[in-house]
N, C-alpha and C. Protein backbone atom coordinates (compact mmCIF):
# COMPACT_ATOMS: atom_id res chain seq x y z
N TYR A 1 17.80 -0.56 -5.47
CA TYR A 1 17.20 0.74 -5.66
C TYR A 1 16.32 1.14 -4.48
N ILE A 2 15.68 0.16 -3.83
CA ILE A 2 14.85 0.47 -2.67
C ILE A 2 15.35 -0.39 -1.52
N LYS A 3 15.84 0.25 -0.47
CA LYS A 3 16.32 -0.48 0.70
C LYS A 3 15.20 -0.53 1.73
N ASP A 4 14.32 -1.49 1.56
CA ASP A 4 13.17 -1.62 2.43
C ASP A 4 12.71 -3.07 2.34
N ASN A 5 11.91 -3.51 3.28
CA ASN A 5 11.44 -4.88 3.26
C ASN A 5 10.00 -5.00 2.77
N PHE A 6 9.44 -3.93 2.26
CA PHE A 6 8.08 -3.96 1.74
C PHE A 6 8.10 -4.36 0.27
N CYS A 7 6.96 -4.77 -0.22
CA CYS A 7 6.82 -5.13 -1.63
C CYS A 7 7.29 -3.96 -2.49
N ARG A 8 8.17 -4.26 -3.40
CA ARG A 8 8.75 -3.20 -4.23
C ARG A 8 7.69 -2.54 -5.12
N SER A 9 6.77 -3.31 -5.65
CA SER A 9 5.71 -2.74 -6.48
C SER A 9 4.83 -1.80 -5.67
N LYS A 10 4.56 -2.20 -4.43
CA LYS A 10 3.71 -1.39 -3.57
C LYS A 10 4.41 -0.07 -3.19
N ILE A 11 5.71 -0.13 -2.95
CA ILE A 11 6.47 1.08 -2.62
C ILE A 11 6.43 2.07 -3.78
N ILE A 12 6.64 1.56 -4.98
CA ILE A 12 6.63 2.42 -6.16
C ILE A 12 5.24 3.01 -6.36
N ALA A 13 4.21 2.19 -6.22
CA ALA A 13 2.83 2.68 -6.38
C ALA A 13 2.50 3.74 -5.35
N THR A 14 2.93 3.54 -4.10
CA THR A 14 2.68 4.51 -3.04
C THR A 14 3.38 5.83 -3.36
N TYR A 15 4.56 5.76 -3.91
CA TYR A 15 5.28 6.97 -4.30
C TYR A 15 4.45 7.80 -5.28
N PHE A 16 3.71 7.12 -6.15
CA PHE A 16 2.87 7.80 -7.13
C PHE A 16 1.43 7.96 -6.63
N ASN A 17 1.25 7.90 -5.30
CA ASN A 17 -0.04 8.11 -4.63
C ASN A 17 -1.10 7.08 -4.98
N ASP A 18 -0.70 5.89 -5.37
CA ASP A 18 -1.65 4.81 -5.61
C ASP A 18 -1.59 3.88 -4.39
N THR A 19 -2.52 4.06 -3.47
CA THR A 19 -2.50 3.32 -2.21
C THR A 19 -3.33 2.05 -2.25
N ASN A 20 -3.94 1.73 -3.37
CA ASN A 20 -4.80 0.55 -3.46
C ASN A 20 -4.10 -0.68 -4.02
N VAL A 21 -2.80 -0.61 -4.20
CA VAL A 21 -2.04 -1.71 -4.77
C VAL A 21 -1.78 -2.78 -3.71
N LYS A 22 -2.01 -4.01 -4.08
CA LYS A 22 -1.73 -5.15 -3.19
C LYS A 22 -0.30 -5.62 -3.45
N PRO A 23 0.32 -6.30 -2.46
CA PRO A 23 1.66 -6.84 -2.68
C PRO A 23 1.69 -7.76 -3.90
N CYS A 24 2.77 -7.69 -4.66
CA CYS A 24 2.84 -8.43 -5.92
C CYS A 24 2.99 -9.94 -5.73
N GLY A 25 3.68 -10.33 -4.66
CA GLY A 25 3.88 -11.75 -4.40
C GLY A 25 5.04 -12.35 -5.15
N ILE A 26 5.72 -11.56 -6.00
CA ILE A 26 6.81 -12.12 -6.80
C ILE A 26 8.15 -11.42 -6.63
N CYS A 27 8.17 -10.24 -5.99
CA CYS A 27 9.47 -9.57 -5.78
C CYS A 27 10.23 -10.30 -4.67
N ASP A 28 11.50 -10.00 -4.53
CA ASP A 28 12.33 -10.68 -3.54
C ASP A 28 11.77 -10.51 -2.13
N ASN A 29 11.24 -9.34 -1.81
CA ASN A 29 10.71 -9.11 -0.46
C ASN A 29 9.43 -9.91 -0.22
N CYS A 30 8.56 -10.00 -1.20
CA CYS A 30 7.35 -10.80 -1.06
C CYS A 30 7.69 -12.28 -0.91
N LEU A 31 8.65 -12.76 -1.69
CA LEU A 31 9.05 -14.16 -1.60
C LEU A 31 9.67 -14.50 -0.25
N LYS A 32 10.49 -13.59 0.28
CA LYS A 32 11.08 -13.80 1.61
C LYS A 32 9.99 -13.87 2.67
N GLU A 33 9.00 -13.00 2.54
CA GLU A 33 7.94 -12.92 3.53
C GLU A 33 7.12 -14.21 3.59
N LYS A 34 6.94 -14.85 2.45
CA LYS A 34 6.16 -16.08 2.41
C LYS A 34 6.82 -17.21 3.21
N ASN A 35 8.13 -17.16 3.37
CA ASN A 35 8.86 -18.22 4.04
C ASN A 35 8.99 -18.04 5.55
N ILE A 36 8.44 -16.98 6.09
CA ILE A 36 8.56 -16.69 7.52
C ILE A 36 7.28 -17.17 8.22
N SER A 37 7.45 -17.97 9.27
CA SER A 37 6.27 -18.40 10.02
C SER A 37 6.28 -17.73 11.40
N VAL A 38 5.09 -17.30 11.81
CA VAL A 38 4.92 -16.61 13.09
C VAL A 38 3.77 -17.29 13.82
N SER A 39 4.02 -17.70 15.05
CA SER A 39 2.95 -18.33 15.84
C SER A 39 1.92 -17.28 16.25
N LYS A 40 0.75 -17.72 16.63
CA LYS A 40 -0.30 -16.80 17.07
C LYS A 40 0.16 -15.97 18.27
N GLU A 41 0.87 -16.62 19.18
CA GLU A 41 1.36 -15.93 20.37
C GLU A 41 2.37 -14.84 20.00
N GLU A 42 3.31 -15.19 19.11
CA GLU A 42 4.29 -14.20 18.65
C GLU A 42 3.60 -13.05 17.93
N PHE A 43 2.64 -13.39 17.09
CA PHE A 43 1.91 -12.37 16.35
C PHE A 43 1.28 -11.37 17.31
N GLU A 44 0.58 -11.86 18.30
CA GLU A 44 -0.11 -10.98 19.25
C GLU A 44 0.88 -10.14 20.06
N MET A 45 1.97 -10.74 20.50
CA MET A 45 2.98 -10.00 21.27
C MET A 45 3.57 -8.88 20.43
N ILE A 46 3.95 -9.19 19.20
CA ILE A 46 4.56 -8.18 18.34
C ILE A 46 3.55 -7.12 17.95
N ARG A 47 2.34 -7.53 17.62
CA ARG A 47 1.29 -6.57 17.25
C ARG A 47 1.03 -5.58 18.39
N LYS A 48 0.97 -6.08 19.62
CA LYS A 48 0.75 -5.20 20.78
C LYS A 48 1.90 -4.22 20.95
N GLU A 49 3.12 -4.70 20.77
CA GLU A 49 4.29 -3.82 20.90
C GLU A 49 4.31 -2.74 19.81
N ILE A 50 3.95 -3.13 18.60
CA ILE A 50 3.88 -2.15 17.51
C ILE A 50 2.83 -1.10 17.84
N ASN A 51 1.65 -1.54 18.25
CA ASN A 51 0.58 -0.60 18.60
C ASN A 51 1.00 0.33 19.73
N GLN A 52 1.67 -0.23 20.73
CA GLN A 52 2.11 0.59 21.86
C GLN A 52 3.15 1.61 21.40
N THR A 53 4.07 1.20 20.54
CA THR A 53 5.11 2.11 20.05
C THR A 53 4.51 3.23 19.22
N LEU A 54 3.48 2.92 18.43
CA LEU A 54 2.88 3.91 17.54
C LEU A 54 1.73 4.68 18.19
N CYS A 55 1.45 4.38 19.42
CA CYS A 55 0.29 4.95 20.10
C CYS A 55 0.31 6.48 20.14
N TYR A 56 1.45 7.09 20.37
CA TYR A 56 1.51 8.53 20.56
C TYR A 56 2.06 9.30 19.37
N ASN A 57 3.11 8.75 18.75
CA ASN A 57 3.75 9.46 17.65
C ASN A 57 4.18 8.49 16.56
N PRO A 58 4.16 8.92 15.31
CA PRO A 58 4.73 8.10 14.24
C PRO A 58 6.24 7.95 14.45
N VAL A 59 6.79 6.85 13.97
CA VAL A 59 8.23 6.61 14.08
C VAL A 59 8.75 6.10 12.74
N ASN A 60 10.05 6.22 12.54
CA ASN A 60 10.62 5.64 11.33
C ASN A 60 10.93 4.16 11.59
N SER A 61 11.30 3.44 10.54
CA SER A 61 11.51 2.00 10.68
C SER A 61 12.65 1.67 11.65
N GLU A 62 13.69 2.48 11.67
CA GLU A 62 14.80 2.23 12.59
C GLU A 62 14.35 2.35 14.04
N GLN A 63 13.57 3.38 14.33
CA GLN A 63 13.05 3.57 15.68
C GLN A 63 12.13 2.42 16.09
N LEU A 64 11.29 1.99 15.15
CA LEU A 64 10.38 0.88 15.45
C LEU A 64 11.17 -0.38 15.74
N MET A 65 12.15 -0.68 14.91
CA MET A 65 12.96 -1.89 15.12
C MET A 65 13.73 -1.81 16.43
N GLN A 66 14.19 -0.63 16.78
CA GLN A 66 14.91 -0.46 18.04
C GLN A 66 13.98 -0.75 19.23
N SER A 67 12.74 -0.30 19.14
CA SER A 67 11.81 -0.52 20.25
C SER A 67 11.35 -1.97 20.32
N LEU A 68 11.52 -2.72 19.23
CA LEU A 68 11.11 -4.13 19.18
C LEU A 68 12.32 -5.05 19.03
N LYS A 69 13.47 -4.64 19.54
CA LYS A 69 14.70 -5.39 19.31
C LYS A 69 14.72 -6.77 19.96
N SER A 70 13.77 -7.05 20.85
CA SER A 70 13.71 -8.38 21.46
C SER A 70 13.08 -9.41 20.52
N PHE A 71 12.53 -8.95 19.39
CA PHE A 71 11.93 -9.84 18.40
C PHE A 71 12.79 -9.88 17.15
N LYS A 72 12.69 -10.97 16.39
CA LYS A 72 13.42 -11.07 15.13
C LYS A 72 12.85 -10.08 14.13
N LYS A 73 13.74 -9.37 13.45
CA LYS A 73 13.32 -8.32 12.52
C LYS A 73 12.39 -8.83 11.43
N ASN A 74 12.69 -10.00 10.88
CA ASN A 74 11.86 -10.48 9.78
C ASN A 74 10.43 -10.77 10.24
N LYS A 75 10.25 -11.15 11.49
CA LYS A 75 8.90 -11.38 12.01
C LYS A 75 8.19 -10.05 12.26
N VAL A 76 8.91 -9.06 12.74
CA VAL A 76 8.32 -7.74 12.93
C VAL A 76 7.88 -7.17 11.58
N TRP A 77 8.74 -7.31 10.56
CA TRP A 77 8.39 -6.82 9.22
C TRP A 77 7.14 -7.52 8.70
N LYS A 78 7.07 -8.83 8.91
CA LYS A 78 5.91 -9.58 8.41
C LYS A 78 4.62 -9.07 9.05
N ILE A 79 4.65 -8.84 10.34
CA ILE A 79 3.46 -8.37 11.04
C ILE A 79 3.16 -6.92 10.66
N LEU A 80 4.18 -6.13 10.50
CA LEU A 80 3.98 -4.75 10.05
C LEU A 80 3.34 -4.72 8.66
N HIS A 81 3.77 -5.59 7.78
CA HIS A 81 3.17 -5.69 6.45
C HIS A 81 1.70 -6.07 6.57
N PHE A 82 1.41 -7.04 7.44
CA PHE A 82 0.03 -7.45 7.64
C PHE A 82 -0.82 -6.27 8.13
N LEU A 83 -0.31 -5.53 9.11
CA LEU A 83 -1.05 -4.39 9.64
C LEU A 83 -1.26 -3.32 8.57
N GLN A 84 -0.29 -3.16 7.71
CA GLN A 84 -0.42 -2.18 6.63
C GLN A 84 -1.47 -2.66 5.62
N GLU A 85 -1.45 -3.93 5.27
CA GLU A 85 -2.43 -4.48 4.33
C GLU A 85 -3.84 -4.40 4.90
N GLU A 86 -3.97 -4.52 6.20
CA GLU A 86 -5.28 -4.44 6.85
C GLU A 86 -5.68 -2.99 7.12
N ASN A 87 -4.86 -2.06 6.66
CA ASN A 87 -5.14 -0.63 6.80
C ASN A 87 -5.16 -0.17 8.26
N LEU A 88 -4.35 -0.81 9.09
CA LEU A 88 -4.26 -0.45 10.50
C LEU A 88 -3.07 0.47 10.78
N VAL A 89 -2.07 0.41 9.92
CA VAL A 89 -0.94 1.34 9.97
C VAL A 89 -0.69 1.84 8.56
N THR A 90 0.00 2.96 8.47
CA THR A 90 0.34 3.52 7.17
C THR A 90 1.75 4.08 7.23
N ILE A 91 2.33 4.26 6.08
CA ILE A 91 3.65 4.87 5.98
C ILE A 91 3.47 6.20 5.29
N THR A 92 3.89 7.26 5.95
CA THR A 92 3.73 8.61 5.42
C THR A 92 4.73 8.85 4.29
N SER A 93 4.54 9.92 3.55
CA SER A 93 5.43 10.24 2.44
C SER A 93 6.86 10.51 2.90
N ASP A 94 7.04 10.88 4.17
CA ASP A 94 8.39 11.10 4.68
C ASP A 94 8.94 9.87 5.41
N GLY A 95 8.30 8.70 5.24
CA GLY A 95 8.84 7.45 5.75
C GLY A 95 8.50 7.12 7.19
N LEU A 96 7.56 7.81 7.77
CA LEU A 96 7.17 7.51 9.15
C LEU A 96 6.03 6.51 9.16
N ILE A 97 6.10 5.59 10.10
CA ILE A 97 5.05 4.58 10.27
C ILE A 97 4.11 5.11 11.34
N LYS A 98 2.82 5.15 11.02
CA LYS A 98 1.87 5.65 12.00
C LYS A 98 0.64 4.78 12.05
N LYS A 99 0.03 4.77 13.20
CA LYS A 99 -1.18 4.00 13.44
C LYS A 99 -2.35 4.75 12.82
N LYS A 100 -3.26 3.99 12.20
CA LYS A 100 -4.47 4.59 11.64
C LYS A 100 -5.60 4.46 12.65
N GLY A 101 -6.56 5.34 12.53
CA GLY A 101 -7.73 5.25 13.39
C GLY A 101 -7.51 5.90 14.73
N PRO A 102 -8.41 5.62 15.70
CA PRO A 102 -8.31 6.25 17.02
C PRO A 102 -7.04 5.80 17.74
N ARG A 103 -6.47 6.73 18.45
CA ARG A 103 -5.22 6.46 19.20
C ARG A 103 -5.49 5.93 20.55
């Protein structure tokens, strides 16, 4: 029903404008995310690339993945989830990923 790598409960809650929901930890996407390990160096490299990509304009997930194609998708998703949980990025109602705060 939802073709995305984010927590399914969180996606549904966001649809209903409830932005304070934490990942459930039990859906298939949350369980997959728990099994992915990312080194500190990889985390920083991917985080910087995400920030650079989102610096000027919001992008959709396909555009973001295209700009980060040198990294494994599951690691990019994990870091993107982390950034979203830390309120550093957000997903708009039309599916665009954008950086929060000063650009």
